[in-house]
Amino acid sequence: MAQEMAAGKPDQQIKVTTRDEVEQLASAFSQMAARMRETVAAVTAEGNRMAAILSNMADGVLMTNTEGLVTLINPAAAAMMQVTPERALGHTFIHRNCPRS
């Protein structure tokens, strides 16, 4: 189960019927896996919510990283800059001869 969880599969359950520390360990792993599933679901839901908000905003939103590369651009910003989001992502914010949509 630990190897499966490390591989990114937190939906594991260990069934142990002993009354010793092995059962306690198995129970702890099962609880940890359940919390991981809840956390991943919450983060995914929040990401989906933010994506929906950004996609439907009338205001343009553009985010760059420390190197000035575009890491996020919503459709309104892309329309203002006359570029597709796919073409803007990974490019610098100020770019001469920037390919248009």
PDB file of N, CA and C in Angstrom:
ATOM      1  N   MET A   1       0.830  -1.193   0.000  1.00  0.00           N
ATOM      2  CA  MET A   1       0.000   0.000   0.000  1.00  0.00           C
ATOM      3  C   MET A   1       0.867   1.246   0.000  1.00  0.00           C
ATOM      4  N   ALA A   2       1.936   1.253   0.788  1.00  0.00           N
ATOM      5  CA  ALA A   2       2.819   2.417   0.832  1.00  0.00           C
ATOM      6  C   ALA A   2       3.410   2.696  -0.545  1.00  0.00           C
ATOM      7  N   GLN A   3       3.797   1.657  -1.257  1.00  0.00           N
ATOM      8  CA  GLN A   3       4.351   1.836  -2.595  1.00  0.00           C
ATOM      9  C   GLN A   3       3.297   2.371  -3.561  1.00  0.00           C
ATOM     10  N   GLU A   4       2.078   1.891  -3.460  1.00  0.00           N
ATOM     11  CA  GLU A   4       0.995   2.376  -4.311  1.00  0.00           C
ATOM     12  C   GLU A   4       0.711   3.856  -4.032  1.00  0.00           C
ATOM     13  N   MET A   5       0.694   4.231  -2.753  1.00  0.00           N
ATOM     14  CA  MET A   5       0.462   5.627  -2.390  1.00  0.00           C
ATOM     15  C   MET A   5       1.598   6.502  -2.901  1.00  0.00           C
ATOM     16  N   ALA A   6       2.823   6.029  -2.782  1.00  0.00           N
ATOM     17  CA  ALA A   6       3.973   6.785  -3.277  1.00  0.00           C
ATOM     18  C   ALA A   6       3.904   6.963  -4.785  1.00  0.00           C
ATOM     19  N   ALA A   7       3.262   6.033  -5.469  1.00  0.00           N
ATOM     20  CA  ALA A   7       3.102   6.103  -6.928  1.00  0.00           C
ATOM     21  C   ALA A   7       1.914   6.976  -7.326  1.00  0.00           C
ATOM     22  N   GLY A   8       1.267   7.629  -6.341  1.00  0.00           N
ATOM     23  CA  GLY A   8       0.161   8.531  -6.649  1.00  0.00           C
ATOM     24  C   GLY A   8      -1.197   7.875  -6.691  1.00  0.00           C
ATOM     25  N   LYS A   9      -1.342   6.753  -6.037  1.00  0.00           N
ATOM     26  CA  LYS A   9      -2.625   6.047  -6.006  1.00  0.00           C
ATOM     27  C   LYS A   9      -3.109   5.963  -4.557  1.00  0.00           C
ATOM     28  N   PRO A  10      -3.765   7.035  -4.057  1.00  0.00           N
ATOM     29  CA  PRO A  10      -4.148   7.062  -2.641  1.00  0.00           C
ATOM     30  C   PRO A  10      -5.428   6.293  -2.311  1.00  0.00           C
ATOM     31  N   ASP A  11      -5.998   5.580  -3.257  1.00  0.00           N
ATOM     32  CA  ASP A  11      -7.249   4.870  -2.996  1.00  0.00           C
ATOM     33  C   ASP A  11      -7.013   3.429  -2.565  1.00  0.00           C
ATOM     34  N   GLN A  12      -6.018   3.245  -1.729  1.00  0.00           N
ATOM     35  CA  GLN A  12      -5.670   1.913  -1.239  1.00  0.00           C
ATOM     36  C   GLN A  12      -6.259   1.678   0.159  1.00  0.00           C
ATOM     37  N   GLN A  13      -6.567   0.448   0.458  1.00  0.00           N
ATOM     38  CA  GLN A  13      -7.051   0.045   1.780  1.00  0.00           C
ATOM     39  C   GLN A  13      -6.373  -1.261   2.157  1.00  0.00           C
ATOM     40  N   ILE A  14      -5.883  -1.320   3.383  1.00  0.00           N
ATOM     41  CA  ILE A  14      -5.267  -2.544   3.872  1.00  0.00           C
ATOM     42  C   ILE A  14      -6.230  -3.184   4.860  1.00  0.00           C
ATOM     43  N   LYS A  15      -6.492  -4.440   4.658  1.00  0.00           N
ATOM     44  CA  LYS A  15      -7.341  -5.184   5.580  1.00  0.00           C
ATOM     45  C   LYS A  15      -6.451  -6.087   6.432  1.00  0.00           C
ATOM     46  N   VAL A  16      -6.308  -5.744   7.685  1.00  0.00           N
ATOM     47  CA  VAL A  16      -5.497  -6.533   8.610  1.00  0.00           C
ATOM     48  C   VAL A  16      -6.378  -6.847   9.814  1.00  0.00           C
ATOM     49  N   THR A  17      -6.365  -8.089  10.245  1.00  0.00           N
ATOM     50  CA  THR A  17      -7.234  -8.497  11.357  1.00  0.00           C
ATOM     51  C   THR A  17      -6.460  -8.855  12.621  1.00  0.00           C
ATOM     52  N   THR A  18      -5.193  -8.524  12.639  1.00  0.00           N
ATOM     53  CA  THR A  18      -4.423  -8.806  13.851  1.00  0.00           C
ATOM     54  C   THR A  18      -4.678  -7.713  14.879  1.00  0.00           C
ATOM     55  N   ARG A  19      -4.321  -7.951  16.106  1.00  0.00           N
ATOM     56  CA  ARG A  19      -4.515  -6.981  17.177  1.00  0.00           C
ATOM     57  C   ARG A  19      -3.158  -6.494  17.691  1.00  0.00           C
ATOM     58  N   ASP A  20      -2.334  -6.047  16.778  1.00  0.00           N
ATOM     59  CA  ASP A  20      -1.004  -5.600  17.191  1.00  0.00           C
ATOM     60  C   ASP A  20      -0.646  -4.317  16.449  1.00  0.00           C
ATOM     61  N   GLU A  21       0.641  -3.951  16.495  1.00  0.00           N
ATOM     62  CA  GLU A  21       1.073  -2.711  15.867  1.00  0.00           C
ATOM     63  C   GLU A  21       0.954  -2.748  14.349  1.00  0.00           C
ATOM     64  N   VAL A  22       0.919  -3.920  13.746  1.00  0.00           N
ATOM     65  CA  VAL A  22       0.724  -4.022  12.299  1.00  0.00           C
ATOM     66  C   VAL A  22      -0.676  -3.524  11.939  1.00  0.00           C
ATOM     67  N   GLU A  23      -1.666  -3.904  12.735  1.00  0.00           N
ATOM     68  CA  GLU A  23      -3.030  -3.422  12.496  1.00  0.00           C
ATOM     69  C   GLU A  23      -3.097  -1.906  12.693  1.00  0.00           C
ATOM     70  N   GLN A  24      -2.421  -1.396  13.705  1.00  0.00           N
ATOM     71  CA  GLN A  24      -2.401   0.051  13.937  1.00  0.00           C
ATOM     72  C   GLN A  24      -1.751   0.787  12.760  1.00  0.00           C
ATOM     73  N   LEU A  25      -0.671   0.212  12.253  1.00  0.00           N
ATOM     74  CA  LEU A  25       0.009   0.813  11.109  1.00  0.00           C
ATOM     75  C   LEU A  25      -0.893   0.791   9.874  1.00  0.00           C
ATOM     76  N   ALA A  26      -1.545  -0.328   9.638  1.00  0.00           N
ATOM     77  CA  ALA A  26      -2.457  -0.447   8.499  1.00  0.00           C
ATOM     78  C   ALA A  26      -3.601   0.552   8.626  1.00  0.00           C
ATOM     79  N   SER A  27      -4.130   0.707   9.817  1.00  0.00           N
ATOM     80  CA  SER A  27      -5.199   1.669  10.048  1.00  0.00           C
ATOM     81  C   SER A  27      -4.719   3.100   9.796  1.00  0.00           C
ATOM     82  N   ALA A  28      -3.516   3.402  10.263  1.00  0.00           N
ATOM     83  CA  ALA A  28      -2.959   4.736  10.052  1.00  0.00           C
ATOM     84  C   ALA A  28      -2.768   5.016   8.561  1.00  0.00           C
ATOM     85  N   PHE A  29      -2.280   4.028   7.799  1.00  0.00           N
ATOM     86  CA  PHE A  29      -2.117   4.199   6.357  1.00  0.00           C
ATOM     87  C   PHE A  29      -3.464   4.410   5.675  1.00  0.00           C
ATOM     88  N   SER A  30      -4.470   3.671   6.089  1.00  0.00           N
ATOM     89  CA  SER A  30      -5.796   3.825   5.498  1.00  0.00           C
ATOM     90  C   SER A  30      -6.359   5.211   5.782  1.00  0.00           C
ATOM     91  N   GLN A  31      -6.168   5.711   7.000  1.00  0.00           N
ATOM     92  CA  GLN A  31      -6.631   7.059   7.349  1.00  0.00           C
ATOM     93  C   GLN A  31      -5.874   8.108   6.546  1.00  0.00           C
ATOM     94  N   MET A  32      -4.566   7.925   6.405  1.00  0.00           N
ATOM     95  CA  MET A  32      -3.759   8.857   5.633  1.00  0.00           C
ATOM     96  C   MET A  32      -4.218   8.878   4.169  1.00  0.00           C
ATOM     97  N   ALA A  33      -4.501   7.719   3.621  1.00  0.00           N
ATOM     98  CA  ALA A  33      -4.969   7.637   2.236  1.00  0.00           C
ATOM     99  C   ALA A  33      -6.314   8.349   2.082  1.00  0.00           C
ATOM    100  N   ALA A  34      -7.200   8.181   3.052  1.00  0.00           N
ATOM    101  CA  ALA A  34      -8.498   8.847   2.993  1.00  0.00           C
ATOM    102  C   ALA A  34      -8.331  10.364   3.043  1.00  0.00           C
ATOM    103  N   ARG A  35      -7.462  10.859   3.917  1.00  0.00           N
ATOM    104  CA  ARG A  35      -7.214  12.304   3.994  1.00  0.00           C
ATOM    105  C   ARG A  35      -6.589  12.824   2.702  1.00  0.00           C
ATOM    106  N   MET A  36      -5.693  12.038   2.120  1.00  0.00           N
ATOM    107  CA  MET A  36      -5.089  12.448   0.849  1.00  0.00           C
ATOM    108  C   MET A  36      -6.142  12.557  -0.246  1.00  0.00           C
ATOM    109  N   ARG A  37      -7.062  11.604  -0.296  1.00  0.00           N
ATOM    110  CA  ARG A  37      -8.142  11.661  -1.292  1.00  0.00           C
ATOM    111  C   ARG A  37      -8.984  12.906  -1.093  1.00  0.00           C
ATOM    112  N   GLU A  38      -9.321  13.214   0.165  1.00  0.00           N
ATOM    113  CA  GLU A  38     -10.124  14.407   0.463  1.00  0.00           C
ATOM    114  C   GLU A  38      -9.380  15.679   0.059  1.00  0.00           C
ATOM    115  N   THR A  39      -8.088  15.736   0.352  1.00  0.00           N
ATOM    116  CA  THR A  39      -7.293  16.913   0.022  1.00  0.00           C
ATOM    117  C   THR A  39      -7.180  17.098  -1.485  1.00  0.00           C
ATOM    118  N   VAL A  40      -6.912  16.015  -2.200  1.00  0.00           N
ATOM    119  CA  VAL A  40      -6.811  16.092  -3.656  1.00  0.00           C
ATOM    120  C   VAL A  40      -8.152  16.528  -4.251  1.00  0.00           C
ATOM    121  N   ALA A  41      -9.248  16.003  -3.749  1.00  0.00           N
ATOM    122  CA  ALA A  41     -10.574  16.391  -4.248  1.00  0.00           C
ATOM    123  C   ALA A  41     -10.838  17.871  -3.981  1.00  0.00           C
ATOM    124  N   ALA A  42     -10.467  18.355  -2.806  1.00  0.00           N
ATOM    125  CA  ALA A  42     -10.690  19.768  -2.467  1.00  0.00           C
ATOM    126  C   ALA A  42      -9.842  20.681  -3.346  1.00  0.00           C
ATOM    127  N   VAL A  43      -8.581  20.319  -3.542  1.00  0.00           N
ATOM    128  CA  VAL A  43      -7.696  21.136  -4.378  1.00  0.00           C
ATOM    129  C   VAL A  43      -8.183  21.135  -5.824  1.00  0.00           C
ATOM    130  N   THR A  44      -8.610  19.989  -6.318  1.00  0.00           N
ATOM    131  CA  THR A  44      -9.129  19.888  -7.677  1.00  0.00           C
ATOM    132  C   THR A  44     -10.386  20.729  -7.838  1.00  0.00           C
ATOM    133  N   ALA A  45     -11.293  20.653  -6.881  1.00  0.00           N
ATOM    134  CA  ALA A  45     -12.529  21.440  -6.945  1.00  0.00           C
ATOM    135  C   ALA A  45     -12.223  22.933  -6.926  1.00  0.00           C
ATOM    136  N   GLU A  46     -11.286  23.348  -6.083  1.00  0.00           N
ATOM    137  CA  GLU A  46     -10.923  24.768  -6.020  1.00  0.00           C
ATOM    138  C   GLU A  46     -10.273  25.218  -7.323  1.00  0.00           C
ATOM    139  N   GLY A  47      -9.413  24.392  -7.891  1.00  0.00           N
ATOM    140  CA  GLY A  47      -8.797  24.720  -9.177  1.00  0.00           C
ATOM    141  C   GLY A  47      -9.831  24.848 -10.279  1.00  0.00           C
ATOM    142  N   ASN A  48     -10.796  23.954 -10.301  1.00  0.00           N
ATOM    143  CA  ASN A  48     -11.871  24.022 -11.297  1.00  0.00           C
ATOM    144  C   ASN A  48     -12.707  25.284 -11.118  1.00  0.00           C
ATOM    145  N   ARG A  49     -12.952  25.639  -9.862  1.00  0.00           N
ATOM    146  CA  ARG A  49     -13.741  26.847  -9.566  1.00  0.00           C
ATOM    147  C   ARG A  49     -12.990  28.083 -10.043  1.00  0.00           C
ATOM    148  N   MET A  50     -11.691  28.162  -9.760  1.00  0.00           N
ATOM    149  CA  MET A  50     -10.899  29.317 -10.181  1.00  0.00           C
ATOM    150  C   MET A  50     -10.817  29.390 -11.708  1.00  0.00           C
ATOM    151  N   ALA A  51     -10.670  28.246 -12.359  1.00  0.00           N
ATOM    152  CA  ALA A  51     -10.622  28.226 -13.818  1.00  0.00           C
ATOM    153  C   ALA A  51     -11.931  28.734 -14.413  1.00  0.00           C
ATOM    154  N   ALA A  52     -13.054  28.330 -13.822  1.00  0.00           N
ATOM    155  CA  ALA A  52     -14.359  28.795 -14.305  1.00  0.00           C
ATOM    156  C   ALA A  52     -14.514  30.301 -14.116  1.00  0.00           C
ATOM    157  N   ILE A  53     -14.062  30.802 -12.970  1.00  0.00           N
ATOM    158  CA  ILE A  53     -14.148  32.245 -12.707  1.00  0.00           C
ATOM    159  C   ILE A  53     -13.300  33.014 -13.713  1.00  0.00           C
ATOM    160  N   LEU A  54     -12.043  32.595 -13.891  1.00  0.00           N
ATOM    161  CA  LEU A  54     -11.151  33.289 -14.820  1.00  0.00           C
ATOM    162  C   LEU A  54     -11.662  33.236 -16.253  1.00  0.00           C
ATOM    163  N   SER A  55     -12.222  32.110 -16.642  1.00  0.00           N
ATOM    164  CA  SER A  55     -12.717  31.961 -18.011  1.00  0.00           C
ATOM    165  C   SER A  55     -13.894  32.862 -18.310  1.00  0.00           C
ATOM    166  N   ASN A  56     -14.685  33.167 -17.289  1.00  0.00           N
ATOM    167  CA  ASN A  56     -15.904  33.939 -17.512  1.00  0.00           C
ATOM    168  C   ASN A  56     -15.797  35.396 -17.090  1.00  0.00           C
ATOM    169  N   MET A  57     -14.618  35.837 -16.670  1.00  0.00           N
ATOM    170  CA  MET A  57     -14.424  37.228 -16.283  1.00  0.00           C
ATOM    171  C   MET A  57     -14.368  38.119 -17.515  1.00  0.00           C
ATOM    172  N   ALA A  58     -14.934  39.315 -17.385  1.00  0.00           N
ATOM    173  CA  ALA A  58     -14.835  40.298 -18.460  1.00  0.00           C
ATOM    174  C   ALA A  58     -13.487  41.005 -18.408  1.00  0.00           C
ATOM    175  N   ASP A  59     -12.870  41.062 -17.223  1.00  0.00           N
ATOM    176  CA  ASP A  59     -11.567  41.697 -17.066  1.00  0.00           C
ATOM    177  C   ASP A  59     -10.464  40.741 -17.506  1.00  0.00           C
ATOM    178  N   GLY A  60      -9.439  41.313 -18.096  1.00  0.00           N
ATOM    179  CA  GLY A  60      -8.302  40.510 -18.511  1.00  0.00           C
ATOM    180  C   GLY A  60      -7.387  40.214 -17.337  1.00  0.00           C
ATOM    181  N   VAL A  61      -6.960  38.968 -17.234  1.00  0.00           N
ATOM    182  CA  VAL A  61      -6.028  38.557 -16.190  1.00  0.00           C
ATOM    183  C   VAL A  61      -4.866  37.842 -16.850  1.00  0.00           C
ATOM    184  N   LEU A  62      -3.650  38.305 -16.522  1.00  0.00           N
ATOM    185  CA  LEU A  62      -2.447  37.698 -17.060  1.00  0.00           C
ATOM    186  C   LEU A  62      -1.462  37.559 -15.908  1.00  0.00           C
ATOM    187  N   MET A  63      -0.829  36.411 -15.795  1.00  0.00           N
ATOM    188  CA  MET A  63       0.134  36.180 -14.732  1.00  0.00           C
ATOM    189  C   MET A  63       1.437  35.698 -15.369  1.00  0.00           C
ATOM    190  N   THR A  64       2.543  36.235 -14.843  1.00  0.00           N
ATOM    191  CA  THR A  64       3.856  35.808 -15.322  1.00  0.00           C
ATOM    192  C   THR A  64       4.668  35.255 -14.160  1.00  0.00           C
ATOM    193  N   ASN A  65       5.685  34.488 -14.490  1.00  0.00           N
ATOM    194  CA  ASN A  65       6.599  33.995 -13.448  1.00  0.00           C
ATOM    195  C   ASN A  65       7.743  34.996 -13.281  1.00  0.00           C
ATOM    196  N   THR A  66       8.720  34.661 -12.473  1.00  0.00           N
ATOM    197  CA  THR A  66       9.820  35.590 -12.194  1.00  0.00           C
ATOM    198  C   THR A  66      10.683  35.874 -13.419  1.00  0.00           C
ATOM    199  N   GLU A  67      10.642  35.005 -14.411  1.00  0.00           N
ATOM    200  CA  GLU A  67      11.388  35.244 -15.651  1.00  0.00           C
ATOM    201  C   GLU A  67      10.586  36.051 -16.667  1.00  0.00           C
ATOM    202  N   GLY A  68       9.357  36.416 -16.320  1.00  0.00           N
ATOM    203  CA  GLY A  68       8.517  37.185 -17.235  1.00  0.00           C
ATOM    204  C   GLY A  68       7.763  36.350 -18.241  1.00  0.00           C
ATOM    205  N   LEU A  69       7.740  35.030 -18.050  1.00  0.00           N
ATOM    206  CA  LEU A  69       7.004  34.156 -18.964  1.00  0.00           C
ATOM    207  C   LEU A  69       5.551  34.050 -18.515  1.00  0.00           C
ATOM    208  N   VAL A  70       4.640  34.095 -19.450  1.00  0.00           N
ATOM    209  CA  VAL A  70       3.211  34.014 -19.155  1.00  0.00           C
ATOM    210  C   VAL A  70       2.892  32.606 -18.649  1.00  0.00           C
ATOM    211  N   THR A  71       2.317  32.543 -17.453  1.00  0.00           N
ATOM    212  CA  THR A  71       1.922  31.255 -16.882  1.00  0.00           C
ATOM    213  C   THR A  71       0.405  31.095 -16.833  1.00  0.00           C
ATOM    214  N   LEU A  72      -0.310  32.214 -16.980  1.00  0.00           N
ATOM    215  CA  LEU A  72      -1.774  32.159 -16.970  1.00  0.00           C
ATOM    216  C   LEU A  72      -2.294  33.357 -17.737  1.00  0.00           C
ATOM    217  N   ILE A  73      -3.269  33.127 -18.579  1.00  0.00           N
ATOM    218  CA  ILE A  73      -3.943  34.204 -19.294  1.00  0.00           C
ATOM    219  C   ILE A  73      -5.383  33.774 -19.509  1.00  0.00           C
ATOM    220  N   ASN A  74      -6.312  34.649 -19.142  1.00  0.00           N
ATOM    221  CA  ASN A  74      -7.710  34.277 -19.345  1.00  0.00           C
ATOM    222  C   ASN A  74      -8.166  34.739 -20.733  1.00  0.00           C
ATOM    223  N   PRO A  75      -9.315  34.253 -21.193  1.00  0.00           N
ATOM    224  CA  PRO A  75      -9.778  34.601 -22.542  1.00  0.00           C
ATOM    225  C   PRO A  75      -9.919  36.100 -22.773  1.00  0.00           C
ATOM    226  N   ALA A  76     -10.332  36.859 -21.769  1.00  0.00           N
ATOM    227  CA  ALA A  76     -10.487  38.308 -21.944  1.00  0.00           C
ATOM    228  C   ALA A  76      -9.135  38.963 -22.222  1.00  0.00           C
ATOM    229  N   ALA A  77      -8.094  38.592 -21.483  1.00  0.00           N
ATOM    230  CA  ALA A  77      -6.759  39.151 -21.713  1.00  0.00           C
ATOM    231  C   ALA A  77      -6.234  38.718 -23.077  1.00  0.00           C
ATOM    232  N   ALA A  78      -6.472  37.481 -23.436  1.00  0.00           N
ATOM    233  CA  ALA A  78      -6.017  36.991 -24.739  1.00  0.00           C
ATOM    234  C   ALA A  78      -6.685  37.774 -25.869  1.00  0.00           C
ATOM    235  N   ALA A  79      -7.977  38.058 -25.721  1.00  0.00           N
ATOM    236  CA  ALA A  79      -8.688  38.822 -26.748  1.00  0.00           C
ATOM    237  C   ALA A  79      -8.138  40.244 -26.841  1.00  0.00           C
ATOM    238  N   MET A  80      -7.854  40.851 -25.677  1.00  0.00           N
ATOM    239  CA  MET A  80      -7.295  42.211 -25.679  1.00  0.00           C
ATOM    240  C   MET A  80      -5.952  42.257 -26.382  1.00  0.00           C
ATOM    241  N   MET A  81      -5.169  41.212 -26.203  1.00  0.00           N
ATOM    242  CA  MET A  81      -3.825  41.168 -26.781  1.00  0.00           C
ATOM    243  C   MET A  81      -3.812  40.516 -28.156  1.00  0.00           C
ATOM    244  N   GLN A  82      -4.957  40.111 -28.606  1.00  0.00           N
ATOM    245  CA  GLN A  82      -5.114  39.475 -29.911  1.00  0.00           C
ATOM    246  C   GLN A  82      -4.171  38.285 -30.089  1.00  0.00           C
ATOM    247  N   VAL A  83      -4.202  37.409 -29.094  1.00  0.00           N
ATOM    248  CA  VAL A  83      -3.380  36.210 -29.130  1.00  0.00           C
ATOM    249  C   VAL A  83      -4.188  35.072 -28.504  1.00  0.00           C
ATOM    250  N   THR A  84      -3.946  33.860 -28.912  1.00  0.00           N
ATOM    251  CA  THR A  84      -4.624  32.740 -28.268  1.00  0.00           C
ATOM    252  C   THR A  84      -3.893  32.410 -26.971  1.00  0.00           C
ATOM    253  N   PRO A  85      -4.611  31.903 -25.970  1.00  0.00           N
ATOM    254  CA  PRO A  85      -3.940  31.516 -24.727  1.00  0.00           C
ATOM    255  C   PRO A  85      -2.812  30.515 -24.971  1.00  0.00           C
ATOM    256  N   GLU A  86      -3.020  29.591 -25.887  1.00  0.00           N
ATOM    257  CA  GLU A  86      -2.004  28.577 -26.174  1.00  0.00           C
ATOM    258  C   GLU A  86      -0.717  29.212 -26.701  1.00  0.00           C
ATOM    259  N   ARG A  87      -0.839  30.270 -27.496  1.00  0.00           N
ATOM    260  CA  ARG A  87       0.339  30.946 -28.047  1.00  0.00           C
ATOM    261  C   ARG A  87       1.020  31.824 -27.008  1.00  0.00           C
ATOM    262  N   ALA A  88       0.261  32.337 -26.037  1.00  0.00           N
ATOM    263  CA  ALA A  88       0.824  33.239 -25.028  1.00  0.00           C
ATOM    264  C   ALA A  88       1.567  32.481 -23.933  1.00  0.00           C
ATOM    265  N   LEU A  89       1.037  31.328 -23.536  1.00  0.00           N
ATOM    266  CA  LEU A  89       1.635  30.582 -22.426  1.00  0.00           C
ATOM    267  C   LEU A  89       3.068  30.191 -22.736  1.00  0.00           C
ATOM    268  N   GLY A  90       3.949  30.486 -21.780  1.00  0.00           N
ATOM    269  CA  GLY A  90       5.345  30.134 -21.929  1.00  0.00           C
ATOM    270  C   GLY A  90       6.180  31.173 -22.653  1.00  0.00           C
ATOM    271  N   HIS A  91       5.536  32.230 -23.143  1.00  0.00           N
ATOM    272  CA  HIS A  91       6.261  33.301 -23.818  1.00  0.00           C
ATOM    273  C   HIS A  91       6.367  34.508 -22.890  1.00  0.00           C
ATOM    274  N   THR A  92       7.277  35.413 -23.227  1.00  0.00           N
ATOM    275  CA  THR A  92       7.418  36.609 -22.402  1.00  0.00           C
ATOM    276  C   THR A  92       6.218  37.516 -22.588  1.00  0.00           C
ATOM    277  N   PHE A  93       5.949  38.303 -21.556  1.00  0.00           N
ATOM    278  CA  PHE A  93       4.812  39.228 -21.605  1.00  0.00           C
ATOM    279  C   PHE A  93       5.007  40.265 -22.695  1.00  0.00           C
ATOM    280  N   ILE A  94       6.187  40.812 -22.787  1.00  0.00           N
ATOM    281  CA  ILE A  94       6.506  41.777 -23.837  1.00  0.00           C
ATOM    282  C   ILE A  94       7.356  41.042 -24.850  1.00  0.00           C
ATOM    283  N   HIS A  95       6.814  40.890 -26.038  1.00  0.00           N
ATOM    284  CA  HIS A  95       7.507  40.112 -27.052  1.00  0.00           C
ATOM    285  C   HIS A  95       7.315  40.804 -28.401  1.00  0.00           C
ATOM    286  N   ARG A  96       8.395  41.187 -29.002  1.00  0.00           N
ATOM    287  CA  ARG A  96       8.304  41.817 -30.326  1.00  0.00           C
ATOM    288  C   ARG A  96       8.001  40.746 -31.357  1.00  0.00           C
ATOM    289  N   ASN A  97       7.263  41.122 -32.325  1.00  0.00           N
ATOM    290  CA  ASN A  97       6.874  40.201 -33.393  1.00  0.00           C
ATOM    291  C   ASN A  97       6.145  38.992 -32.845  1.00  0.00           C
ATOM    292  N   CYS A  98       5.357  39.206 -31.798  1.00  0.00           N
ATOM    293  CA  CYS A  98       4.591  38.124 -31.189  1.00  0.00           C
ATOM    294  C   CYS A  98       3.596  37.572 -32.185  1.00  0.00           C
ATOM    295  N   PRO A  99       3.578  36.263 -32.380  1.00  0.00           N
ATOM    296  CA  PRO A  99       2.615  35.693 -33.331  1.00  0.00           C
ATOM    297  C   PRO A  99       1.192  35.936 -32.849  1.00  0.00           C
ATOM    298  N   ARG A 100       0.363  36.360 -33.733  1.00  0.00           N
ATOM    299  CA  ARG A 100      -1.040  36.630 -33.402  1.00  0.00           C
ATOM    300  C   ARG A 100      -1.860  35.357 -33.547  1.00  0.00           C
ATOM    301  N   SER A 101      -3.100  35.407 -33.039  1.00  0.00           N
ATOM    302  CA  SER A 101      -3.978  34.235 -33.109  1.00  0.00           C
ATOM    303  C   SER A 101      -4.374  33.906 -34.521  1.00  0.00           C
TER     304      SER A 101
END
